Amino acid sequence: MLPLSPRALFWMRRDLRLTDNHALFQALTHARQVYCVFVFDTAILDALENPTDRRVWFIWQSLVQLHDVLAKQGCGLIVLHGRATEAIPALAAKLQVDTVFANRDYEPAAVSRDEAVGAALAMQGISFVTCKDQVIFEKNEVLTQNGQPFSVFTAYKNACLKRLSAEDLAVYPSQKHLDNLAHTDVRALPSLESIGFRRPESATPEIEPGMEGAATLFDDFLERIDRYHETRDYPALKGPSYLSVHLRFGTISIRTLARAAWERAQFGGRGAQTWLNELIWRDFYFMILHHHPRVVAHAFRPEFDHLQFDDNAERYNAWCQGKTGYPLVDAAMRQLNTTGYMHNRLRMVTASFLVKDLHIDWRWGERHFARQLNDFDLAANNGGWQWAASTGCDAQPYFRIFNPVTQSERFDPEGKFIRKYLPELATCDKKFIHAPWRMDAAAQERTGIIIGRDYPAPIVDHAAARLVTLDRYAAARQTHPPEPNPRRYAA
């Protein structure tokens, strides 16, 4: 039990909500007066290249919602701009709080930041309390029978489901205790411009930020969740939840989502069970990052740190711009570049294409996604790229290589998604929409799509590129064989 404190500070980070917020709940129930602060951390913002970064806009809009709610309570949301390692200890001292509360973050840079903040607070005699909030299970909560971290997802998932209970998904009723928020002068939030950013010209209209946006999306998804397992792989269908950006910034609680899925799955809901599995994948990658922080820069499987890649900027740029000549890949990349979102099936297809067709280092692609994705999350992004590149834990075997044409034929059979993002192929016959270079000269003239003029010819031959990939992976394994540890990838 924490001692009752006269004043506390709640430091908001990846948890931009007032409902079911673990650290906020702990602060409100252990202090008579609680201040709330968010820091636009220059250690993060200064590394962003785009002054119209959609994620900063999403955060700012979500803070506006929070500020409006708190203002009605007579409580201001303190928003600072600077280095969090300096701003938080300084604010805690100024407010004369006894404890700073925050929800845990698992990324290496965030862990280092929190250690620095905790040390600075301790020098002032102020406690720093962190809580589990952004995952269902964390760190060492789910281990093998030998007490080791899992490296096979199915075994990890089964262990999670075996121990998952209503208690793990219980609500922290933080919103019921808002009367304990400190009454302060309610001041306007700093503008986007004052922190060096501007509103994106093409802010994704489908994404309504904040708690209200998350609740609206979740209600909509609950009407479709029973079909999730049937529709989730088809980018032209409204299949996914579209909640990933809200999970990333904590405008909705993971417990709220997992509880709804878990309860429906108890009664045989296949869609709900499939979605719950996806939420557990998210936990799995957080767990891997915690136990193996080296994956940020290296392959989880060390033998694949020696893979031969091509340092080919021209091909990489064609992939980034959606000009590879493979329609599904190009449409997916243009969706990403114009909206900041990419369908999960297409994340796998485009990643596989970059690594196994273009032979570009997976880290190049990971960095591009990190720059573009609204829902960028280091653990999931790294895990997904290493899965596609066959360098990660429980990854796709290296000899299974997505064929971009057959993937297109299977998951966008009518070409609806392709035509949406590649208007230059709008008149292409359904027969050729997945591989327009197969049209003869007469068909190209008839449709007004001249390959090489109106749409690129394929940048590589998939069949030939596949053989090169197989040789390179085999060579890496032969030159640097896997460690002889039979339990290394075991459950």
Protein backbone atom coordinates (compact mmCIF):
# COMPACT_ATOMS: atom_id res chain seq x y z
CA MET A 1 0.00 0.00 0.00
CA LEU A 2 1.21 3.47 -0.85
CA PRO A 3 1.00 6.08 1.91
CA LEU A 4 -1.58 8.83 1.46
CA SER A 5 0.10 11.85 -0.08
CA PRO A 6 -1.00 15.52 0.11
CA ARG A 7 -0.02 16.22 -3.51
CA ALA A 8 0.96 14.07 -6.48
CA LEU A 9 1.78 14.58 -10.13
CA PHE A 10 0.46 12.31 -12.88
CA TRP A 11 2.79 12.30 -15.87
CA MET A 12 0.80 11.42 -18.99
CA ARG A 13 2.67 9.73 -21.87
CA ARG A 14 1.19 6.86 -23.91
CA ASP A 15 -2.10 7.05 -22.01
CA LEU A 16 -4.04 10.07 -23.27
CA ARG A 17 -7.31 9.27 -21.49
CA LEU A 18 -9.06 9.74 -18.15
CA THR A 19 -10.92 6.40 -18.17
CA ASP A 20 -9.43 3.09 -16.98
CA ASN A 21 -6.01 4.67 -16.53
CA HIS A 22 -3.93 2.72 -14.03
CA ALA A 23 -1.38 5.33 -12.97
CA LEU A 24 -4.00 8.09 -12.87
CA PHE A 25 -6.17 5.85 -10.68
CA GLN A 26 -3.27 5.21 -8.30
CA ALA A 27 -2.50 8.92 -8.11
CA LEU A 28 -6.12 9.91 -7.48
CA THR A 29 -6.61 7.31 -4.76
CA HIS A 30 -3.32 8.01 -2.97
CA ALA A 31 -3.22 11.80 -3.01
CA ARG A 32 -5.58 14.59 -1.95
CA GLN A 33 -4.53 16.80 -4.86
CA VAL A 34 -3.34 15.50 -8.21
CA TYR A 35 -1.83 17.58 -11.01
CA CYS A 36 -1.72 16.26 -14.59
CA VAL A 37 1.11 17.02 -16.99
CA PHE A 38 2.09 16.13 -20.53
CA VAL A 39 5.51 16.96 -21.93
CA PHE A 40 6.15 17.49 -25.62
CA ASP A 41 9.58 15.95 -25.20
CA THR A 42 12.18 17.59 -27.41
CA ALA A 43 14.31 14.46 -27.12
CA ILE A 44 11.63 12.85 -29.32
CA LEU A 45 10.32 15.78 -31.35
CA ASP A 46 13.73 17.03 -32.45
CA ALA A 47 14.31 13.72 -34.26
CA LEU A 48 11.14 14.08 -36.35
CA GLU A 49 11.85 15.25 -39.88
CA ASN A 50 8.36 16.35 -40.90
CA PRO A 51 6.94 19.57 -39.38
CA THR A 52 3.45 18.34 -40.29
CA ASP A 53 3.91 14.93 -38.65
CA ARG A 54 0.42 13.44 -38.29
CA ARG A 55 1.27 11.83 -34.96
CA VAL A 56 2.09 15.16 -33.29
CA TRP A 57 -1.22 16.50 -34.61
CA PHE A 58 -3.03 13.43 -33.21
CA ILE A 59 -1.43 13.93 -29.79
CA TRP A 60 -2.19 17.65 -29.77
CA GLN A 61 -5.83 17.11 -30.73
CA SER A 62 -6.18 14.42 -28.07
CA LEU A 63 -4.73 16.80 -25.49
CA VAL A 64 -7.26 19.44 -26.53
CA GLN A 65 -10.04 16.97 -25.70
CA LEU A 66 -8.48 16.14 -22.35
CA HIS A 67 -7.95 19.80 -21.54
CA ASP A 68 -11.59 20.61 -22.29
CA VAL A 69 -12.81 17.83 -19.98
CA LEU A 70 -10.46 18.84 -17.18
CA ALA A 71 -11.27 22.54 -17.58
CA LYS A 72 -14.91 21.77 -16.79
CA GLN A 73 -13.65 20.33 -13.50
CA GLY A 74 -11.75 23.52 -12.80
CA CYS A 75 -8.48 21.69 -13.38
CA GLY A 76 -5.91 22.62 -15.96
CA LEU A 77 -3.82 20.16 -17.94
CA ILE A 78 -0.21 21.28 -17.67
CA VAL A 79 1.48 20.97 -21.07
CA LEU A 80 5.23 21.59 -21.28
CA HIS A 81 7.71 21.69 -24.14
CA GLY A 82 11.27 20.60 -23.36
CA ARG A 83 13.31 17.64 -22.24
CA ALA A 84 11.21 15.44 -19.98
CA THR A 85 14.26 14.44 -17.95
CA GLU A 86 14.55 18.08 -16.87
CA ALA A 87 10.93 19.26 -17.02
CA ILE A 88 9.37 16.60 -14.77
CA PRO A 89 11.76 16.94 -11.79
CA ALA A 90 11.56 20.74 -12.06
CA LEU A 91 7.73 20.75 -12.14
CA ALA A 92 7.52 18.24 -9.28
CA ALA A 93 9.70 20.49 -7.15
CA LYS A 94 7.72 23.61 -8.08
CA LEU A 95 4.39 21.96 -7.18
CA GLN A 96 5.89 20.44 -4.03
CA VAL A 97 4.48 17.00 -4.76
CA ASP A 98 5.45 13.90 -2.82
CA THR A 99 5.02 11.40 -5.65
CA VAL A 100 5.10 11.33 -9.43
CA PHE A 101 2.96 8.62 -11.04
CA ALA A 102 3.33 7.34 -14.60
CA ASN A 103 2.45 4.27 -16.65
CA ARG A 104 5.37 2.12 -17.72
CA ASP A 105 6.97 2.33 -21.15
CA TYR A 106 9.13 -0.54 -22.42
CA GLU A 107 11.19 0.97 -25.21
CA PRO A 108 14.90 1.19 -24.37
CA ALA A 109 15.05 4.98 -24.75
CA ALA A 110 11.96 5.38 -22.56
CA VAL A 111 13.40 3.05 -19.92
CA SER A 112 16.58 5.14 -19.82
CA ARG A 113 14.54 8.35 -19.63
CA ASP A 114 12.49 7.04 -16.72
CA GLU A 115 15.58 5.89 -14.86
CA ALA A 116 17.02 9.39 -15.21
CA VAL A 117 13.78 11.01 -14.04
CA GLY A 118 13.49 8.62 -11.11
CA ALA A 119 17.06 9.35 -10.02
CA ALA A 120 16.51 13.11 -10.25
CA LEU A 121 13.27 12.88 -8.27
CA ALA A 122 14.94 10.72 -5.61
CA MET A 123 17.56 13.44 -5.11
CA GLN A 124 14.66 15.75 -4.21
CA GLY A 125 13.03 13.21 -1.90
CA ILE A 126 10.17 12.60 -4.33
CA SER A 127 8.93 9.08 -5.11
CA PHE A 128 8.49 7.85 -8.68
CA VAL A 129 5.81 5.16 -9.07
CA THR A 130 5.16 3.43 -12.39
CA CYS A 131 2.26 1.13 -13.25
CA LYS A 132 1.45 -1.48 -15.88
CA ASP A 133 -1.12 -0.06 -18.26
CA GLN A 134 -0.35 -0.41 -21.98
CA VAL A 135 -0.19 -4.23 -22.08
CA ILE A 136 -2.17 -7.15 -20.71
CA PHE A 137 0.92 -8.98 -19.45
CA GLU A 138 4.38 -7.50 -19.15
CA LYS A 139 8.04 -8.43 -18.69
CA ASN A 140 8.24 -11.68 -16.68
CA GLU A 141 4.53 -12.25 -16.07
CA VAL A 142 4.29 -15.01 -18.69
CA LEU A 143 7.31 -17.33 -18.85
CA THR A 144 8.01 -20.91 -19.91
CA GLN A 145 7.96 -23.72 -17.37
CA ASN A 146 11.73 -23.27 -17.16
CA GLY A 147 11.31 -19.63 -16.21
CA GLN A 148 12.59 -18.37 -19.57
CA PRO A 149 10.97 -15.86 -21.94
CA PHE A 150 9.03 -17.38 -24.83
CA SER A 151 10.29 -17.06 -28.36
CA VAL A 152 7.45 -18.96 -30.08
CA PHE A 153 4.23 -17.01 -30.34
CA THR A 154 1.75 -19.90 -30.28
CA ALA A 155 3.20 -21.22 -27.03
CA TYR A 156 3.18 -17.71 -25.56
CA LYS A 157 -0.42 -17.14 -26.68
CA ASN A 158 -1.57 -20.41 -25.16
CA ALA A 159 0.14 -19.58 -21.87
CA CYS A 160 -1.49 -16.14 -21.87
CA LEU A 161 -4.94 -17.53 -22.57
CA LYS A 162 -4.50 -20.19 -19.89
CA ARG A 163 -3.81 -17.64 -17.16
CA LEU A 164 -6.00 -14.80 -18.45
CA SER A 165 -8.82 -13.98 -16.06
CA ALA A 166 -11.35 -11.23 -15.44
CA GLU A 167 -9.01 -9.84 -12.80
CA ASP A 168 -6.32 -9.20 -15.43
CA LEU A 169 -8.81 -7.15 -17.43
CA ALA A 170 -10.49 -5.34 -14.54
CA VAL A 171 -11.15 -1.62 -14.91
CA TYR A 172 -9.21 0.97 -12.92
CA PRO A 173 -12.09 3.45 -12.36
CA SER A 174 -9.93 6.55 -12.56
CA GLN A 175 -12.75 8.72 -13.87
CA LYS A 176 -14.73 8.22 -10.65
CA HIS A 177 -12.06 10.00 -8.64
CA LEU A 178 -11.53 13.15 -10.69
CA ASP A 179 -12.69 15.26 -7.73
CA ASN A 180 -9.18 14.73 -6.35
CA LEU A 181 -7.63 16.67 -9.23
CA ALA A 182 -5.95 19.87 -8.12
CA HIS A 183 -7.77 23.07 -9.02
CA THR A 184 -5.45 25.33 -10.98
CA ASP A 185 -5.56 28.27 -13.33
CA VAL A 186 -6.94 26.88 -16.57
CA ARG A 187 -4.69 28.14 -19.33
CA ALA A 188 -4.83 27.56 -23.06
CA LEU A 189 -2.68 24.79 -24.47
CA PRO A 190 0.45 25.78 -26.37
CA SER A 191 -0.21 25.87 -30.09
CA LEU A 192 1.25 23.38 -32.53
CA GLU A 193 3.26 26.19 -34.05
CA SER A 194 4.82 27.07 -30.71
CA ILE A 195 6.37 23.61 -30.50
CA GLY A 196 7.60 23.71 -34.11
CA PHE A 197 4.82 21.82 -35.93
CA ARG A 198 1.85 22.53 -38.17
CA ARG A 199 -1.45 20.83 -38.87
CA PRO A 200 -1.05 18.31 -41.70
CA GLU A 201 -2.68 19.39 -44.93
CA SER A 202 -3.92 15.84 -45.43
CA ALA A 203 -4.73 14.86 -41.84
CA THR A 204 -6.35 11.47 -42.20
CA PRO A 205 -10.11 12.14 -42.05
CA GLU A 206 -10.88 8.56 -40.96
CA ILE A 207 -8.99 9.07 -37.70
CA GLU A 208 -10.86 11.05 -35.08
CA PRO A 209 -8.36 11.61 -32.27
CA GLY A 210 -8.80 11.43 -28.52
CA MET A 211 -11.00 9.40 -26.21
CA GLU A 212 -14.12 10.27 -28.21
CA GLY A 213 -12.57 9.08 -31.46
CA ALA A 214 -11.44 5.83 -29.87
CA ALA A 215 -14.86 5.14 -28.38
CA THR A 216 -16.60 5.79 -31.71
CA LEU A 217 -14.28 3.42 -33.58
CA PHE A 218 -14.58 0.74 -30.92
CA ASP A 219 -18.38 0.85 -30.96
CA ASP A 220 -18.31 0.52 -34.74
CA PHE A 221 -15.90 -2.41 -34.60
CA LEU A 222 -17.99 -4.29 -32.04
CA GLU A 223 -20.72 -4.47 -34.66
CA ARG A 224 -18.26 -6.15 -37.05
CA ILE A 225 -16.04 -8.17 -34.72
CA ASP A 226 -17.85 -11.46 -35.31
CA ARG A 227 -16.71 -11.33 -38.96
CA TYR A 228 -13.19 -10.16 -38.20
CA HIS A 229 -11.57 -13.53 -38.97
CA GLU A 230 -13.22 -13.53 -42.41
CA THR A 231 -12.62 -9.91 -43.43
CA ARG A 232 -9.35 -8.82 -41.80
CA ASP A 233 -7.07 -9.83 -44.70
CA TYR A 234 -8.90 -7.93 -47.45
CA PRO A 235 -7.77 -4.29 -47.72
CA ALA A 236 -10.79 -3.23 -49.78
CA LEU A 237 -13.15 -4.38 -47.02
CA LYS A 238 -13.91 -2.71 -43.70
CA GLY A 239 -12.35 -5.53 -41.74
CA PRO A 240 -9.82 -4.25 -39.17
CA SER A 241 -10.68 -2.32 -36.02
CA TYR A 242 -8.58 0.71 -37.09
CA LEU A 243 -7.81 1.20 -33.39
CA SER A 244 -4.04 0.76 -33.63
CA VAL A 245 -3.24 4.47 -33.41
CA HIS A 246 -5.51 4.77 -30.37
CA LEU A 247 -3.75 1.87 -28.72
CA ARG A 248 -0.41 3.46 -29.54
CA PHE A 249 -1.28 6.70 -27.75
CA GLY A 250 -3.52 5.17 -25.12
CA THR A 251 -6.72 7.02 -25.96
CA ILE A 252 -8.43 3.73 -25.13
CA SER A 253 -7.42 1.07 -22.62
CA ILE A 254 -5.99 -2.26 -23.76
CA ARG A 255 -8.06 -3.83 -20.97
CA THR A 256 -11.26 -2.45 -22.48
CA LEU A 257 -10.44 -3.99 -25.85
CA ALA A 258 -9.14 -7.31 -24.56
CA ARG A 259 -12.04 -7.72 -22.14
CA ALA A 260 -14.62 -7.29 -24.90
CA ALA A 261 -12.79 -9.80 -27.12
CA TRP A 262 -12.19 -12.28 -24.29
CA GLU A 263 -15.83 -12.25 -23.15
CA ARG A 264 -17.13 -12.87 -26.67
CA ALA A 265 -14.52 -15.55 -27.28
CA GLN A 266 -15.82 -17.47 -24.24
CA PHE A 267 -18.96 -18.15 -26.24
CA GLY A 268 -17.19 -19.34 -29.36
CA GLY A 269 -16.84 -16.07 -31.23
CA ARG A 270 -14.16 -16.82 -33.83
CA GLY A 271 -13.79 -13.20 -34.85
CA ALA A 272 -13.31 -12.10 -31.26
CA GLN A 273 -10.80 -14.89 -30.60
CA THR A 274 -8.81 -13.97 -33.69
CA TRP A 275 -8.71 -10.33 -32.63
CA LEU A 276 -7.70 -11.27 -29.10
CA ASN A 277 -4.83 -13.24 -30.61
CA GLU A 278 -3.73 -10.07 -32.41
CA LEU A 279 -3.73 -8.16 -29.12
CA ILE A 280 -1.59 -10.91 -27.62
CA TRP A 281 0.84 -10.58 -30.57
CA ARG A 282 1.23 -6.97 -29.44
CA ASP A 283 2.10 -8.11 -25.91
CA PHE A 284 4.47 -10.72 -27.35
CA TYR A 285 6.53 -8.12 -29.17
CA PHE A 286 6.68 -5.90 -26.07
CA MET A 287 7.94 -8.92 -24.13
CA ILE A 288 10.58 -9.67 -26.77
CA LEU A 289 11.79 -6.06 -26.73
CA HIS A 290 12.05 -6.12 -22.95
CA HIS A 291 14.10 -9.33 -22.84
CA HIS A 292 16.06 -8.78 -26.05
CA PRO A 293 16.63 -5.02 -26.53
CA ARG A 294 19.36 -5.83 -29.06
CA VAL A 295 16.61 -6.47 -31.66
CA VAL A 296 16.34 -2.70 -32.11
CA ALA A 297 19.46 -2.80 -34.27
CA HIS A 298 20.17 -6.51 -34.80
CA ALA A 299 18.43 -9.66 -35.98
CA PHE A 300 16.86 -11.71 -33.21
CA ARG A 301 18.51 -14.71 -34.86
CA PRO A 302 22.21 -13.74 -34.92
CA GLU A 303 23.05 -15.89 -37.94
CA PHE A 304 20.97 -13.51 -40.05
CA ASP A 305 23.00 -10.48 -38.98
CA HIS A 306 25.34 -11.71 -41.74
CA LEU A 307 22.77 -11.67 -44.55
CA GLN A 308 23.96 -10.04 -47.76
CA PHE A 309 21.81 -7.05 -48.74
CA ASP A 310 22.03 -4.69 -51.71
CA ASP A 311 22.80 -1.04 -51.01
CA ASN A 312 20.45 0.06 -53.81
CA ALA A 313 18.98 3.51 -53.12
CA GLU A 314 17.17 3.62 -56.49
CA ARG A 315 15.16 0.48 -55.78
CA TYR A 316 14.54 1.54 -52.19
CA ASN A 317 13.19 4.91 -53.30
CA ALA A 318 10.94 3.23 -55.87
CA TRP A 319 9.53 1.07 -53.07
CA CYS A 320 9.06 4.08 -50.78
CA GLN A 321 7.22 6.01 -53.49
CA GLY A 322 5.03 3.11 -54.65
CA LYS A 323 6.63 2.81 -58.07
CA THR A 324 7.85 -0.79 -58.18
CA GLY A 325 5.55 -1.96 -60.99
CA TYR A 326 3.75 -4.40 -58.67
CA PRO A 327 0.28 -2.89 -58.12
CA LEU A 328 -0.56 -4.28 -54.67
CA VAL A 329 2.84 -3.22 -53.30
CA ASP A 330 2.57 0.22 -54.87
CA ALA A 331 -1.01 0.80 -53.72
CA ALA A 332 -0.06 -0.15 -50.17
CA MET A 333 2.91 2.20 -50.13
CA ARG A 334 0.83 5.07 -51.47
CA GLN A 335 -1.82 4.39 -48.85
CA LEU A 336 0.90 4.68 -46.22
CA ASN A 337 2.38 7.86 -47.66
CA THR A 338 -0.94 9.65 -48.07
CA THR A 339 -2.77 8.53 -44.91
CA GLY A 340 -0.19 7.26 -42.43
CA TYR A 341 -2.04 3.93 -42.29
CA MET A 342 -1.36 0.59 -43.91
CA HIS A 343 -3.49 -2.54 -43.75
CA ASN A 344 -1.80 -5.31 -41.76
CA ARG A 345 -1.80 -7.87 -44.59
CA LEU A 346 -0.12 -5.28 -46.80
CA ARG A 347 2.52 -4.54 -44.17
CA MET A 348 3.61 -8.14 -44.55
CA VAL A 349 3.46 -8.06 -48.35
CA THR A 350 5.41 -4.82 -48.73
CA ALA A 351 8.01 -5.83 -46.15
CA SER A 352 8.55 -9.18 -47.79
CA PHE A 353 8.89 -7.48 -51.17
CA LEU A 354 11.54 -5.03 -49.96
CA VAL A 355 13.65 -7.71 -48.28
CA LYS A 356 13.13 -10.76 -50.47
CA ASP A 357 12.47 -9.25 -53.90
CA LEU A 358 14.59 -6.10 -53.76
CA HIS A 359 17.15 -7.54 -51.30
CA ILE A 360 17.17 -4.35 -49.22
CA ASP A 361 18.04 -4.45 -45.52
CA TRP A 362 14.90 -4.81 -43.41
CA ARG A 363 16.13 -1.96 -41.19
CA TRP A 364 15.72 0.46 -44.12
CA GLY A 365 12.06 -0.48 -44.40
CA GLU A 366 11.58 -0.41 -40.66
CA ARG A 367 12.84 3.18 -40.58
CA HIS A 368 10.50 4.24 -43.40
CA PHE A 369 7.52 2.78 -41.57
CA ALA A 370 8.70 4.51 -38.39
CA ARG A 371 8.60 7.84 -40.22
CA GLN A 372 5.22 7.30 -41.85
CA LEU A 373 2.98 5.16 -39.63
CA ASN A 374 0.46 6.95 -37.44
CA ASP A 375 0.50 3.93 -35.14
CA PHE A 376 4.28 3.47 -35.16
CA ASP A 377 5.29 1.42 -32.16
CA LEU A 378 8.89 0.28 -31.87
CA ALA A 379 8.10 -3.19 -30.50
CA ALA A 380 5.42 -4.06 -33.07
CA ASN A 381 7.20 -2.41 -35.99
CA ASN A 382 10.46 -4.18 -35.25
CA GLY A 383 8.70 -7.47 -34.60
CA GLY A 384 6.70 -7.25 -37.81
CA TRP A 385 9.71 -6.42 -39.95
CA GLN A 386 11.82 -9.17 -38.44
CA TRP A 387 8.93 -11.59 -38.96
CA ALA A 388 8.70 -10.69 -42.64
CA ALA A 389 12.48 -10.77 -43.05
CA SER A 390 12.67 -14.20 -41.32
CA THR A 391 15.27 -12.81 -38.93
CA GLY A 392 13.04 -12.61 -35.85
CA CYS A 393 11.59 -14.91 -33.24
CA ASP A 394 8.96 -17.31 -34.56
CA ALA A 395 9.29 -15.56 -37.92
CA GLN A 396 8.09 -16.71 -41.31
CA PRO A 397 10.60 -19.31 -42.61
CA TYR A 398 13.01 -17.68 -45.04
CA PHE A 399 11.99 -20.02 -47.87
CA ARG A 400 8.36 -18.85 -47.69
CA ILE A 401 8.35 -15.77 -49.87
CA PHE A 402 5.22 -13.81 -50.66
CA ASN A 403 4.43 -13.65 -54.35
CA PRO A 404 3.11 -10.09 -54.82
CA VAL A 405 0.90 -11.11 -57.75
CA THR A 406 -0.79 -14.09 -56.11
CA GLN A 407 -1.22 -12.09 -52.89
CA SER A 408 -2.96 -9.43 -54.94
CA GLU A 409 -5.18 -11.93 -56.72
CA ARG A 410 -6.18 -13.53 -53.44
CA PHE A 411 -6.73 -10.52 -51.20
CA ASP A 412 -7.84 -7.83 -53.67
CA PRO A 413 -9.51 -10.01 -56.31
CA GLU A 414 -11.54 -7.20 -57.90
CA GLY A 415 -8.67 -4.74 -57.73
CA LYS A 416 -10.76 -2.26 -55.74
CA PHE A 417 -7.98 -1.35 -53.35
CA ILE A 418 -5.46 -1.06 -56.16
CA ARG A 419 -7.67 1.27 -58.18
CA LYS A 420 -8.29 3.48 -55.14
CA TYR A 421 -4.61 4.26 -54.64
CA LEU A 422 -3.36 3.79 -58.21
CA PRO A 423 -5.77 5.87 -60.30
CA GLU A 424 -3.49 5.39 -63.31
CA LEU A 425 -4.72 1.78 -63.34
CA ALA A 426 -8.40 2.65 -63.00
CA THR A 427 -9.19 1.52 -66.56
CA CYS A 428 -7.18 -1.69 -66.34
CA ASP A 429 -9.12 -4.88 -67.02
CA LYS A 430 -9.70 -7.07 -63.97
CA LYS A 431 -7.76 -9.81 -65.76
CA PHE A 432 -4.57 -7.70 -65.73
CA ILE A 433 -4.98 -5.43 -62.71
CA HIS A 434 -2.63 -7.57 -60.60
CA ALA A 435 0.08 -7.76 -63.29
CA PRO A 436 -0.55 -5.06 -65.90
CA TRP A 437 2.73 -5.73 -67.71
CA ARG A 438 1.09 -8.90 -69.05
CA MET A 439 -1.18 -6.81 -71.29
CA ASP A 440 -0.19 -6.93 -74.94
CA ALA A 441 0.38 -3.73 -76.90
CA ALA A 442 -3.20 -3.62 -78.14
CA ALA A 443 -4.64 -3.94 -74.65
CA GLN A 444 -2.31 -1.22 -73.38
CA GLU A 445 -3.45 1.11 -76.14
CA ARG A 446 -7.11 0.27 -75.52
CA THR A 447 -6.92 0.98 -71.79
CA GLY A 448 -4.57 3.95 -72.10
CA ILE A 449 -2.03 2.31 -69.80
CA ILE A 450 1.32 2.10 -71.50
CA ILE A 451 3.72 0.15 -69.28
CA GLY A 452 6.86 2.17 -68.75
CA ARG A 453 5.03 5.42 -69.47
CA ASP A 454 1.79 5.48 -67.48
CA TYR A 455 2.76 2.82 -64.96
CA PRO A 456 6.22 1.35 -64.25
CA ALA A 457 7.39 -1.97 -65.58
CA PRO A 458 8.26 -4.43 -62.77
CA ILE A 459 11.43 -3.31 -61.05
CA VAL A 460 12.52 -6.93 -60.63
CA ASP A 461 11.46 -10.37 -61.79
CA HIS A 462 9.93 -12.07 -58.76
CA ALA A 463 10.95 -15.61 -59.72
CA ALA A 464 14.58 -14.64 -60.27
CA ALA A 465 14.68 -12.50 -57.10
CA ARG A 466 13.29 -15.41 -55.09
CA LEU A 467 16.18 -17.67 -56.10
CA VAL A 468 18.72 -15.03 -55.05
CA THR A 469 17.00 -14.74 -51.67
CA LEU A 470 17.08 -18.48 -51.07
CA ASP A 471 20.81 -18.58 -51.88
CA ARG A 472 21.62 -15.66 -49.58
CA TYR A 473 19.72 -17.00 -46.58
CA ALA A 474 21.23 -20.44 -47.07
CA ALA A 475 24.71 -18.90 -47.28
CA ALA A 476 24.18 -16.94 -44.04
CA ARG A 477 23.07 -20.08 -42.24
CA GLN A 478 25.98 -22.09 -43.60
CA THR A 479 28.62 -19.46 -42.81
CA HIS A 480 27.17 -18.59 -39.41
CA PRO A 481 25.07 -21.57 -38.29
CA PRO A 482 22.48 -21.08 -35.54
CA GLU A 483 23.63 -21.52 -31.98
CA PRO A 484 23.41 -25.19 -30.90
CA ASN A 485 20.86 -24.54 -28.19
CA PRO A 486 17.84 -26.86 -28.50
CA ARG A 487 15.75 -24.62 -26.23
CA ARG A 488 16.59 -21.38 -27.95
CA TYR A 489 13.43 -21.23 -30.04
CA ALA A 490 11.46 -23.70 -27.98
CA ALA A 491 8.31 -23.10 -26.03
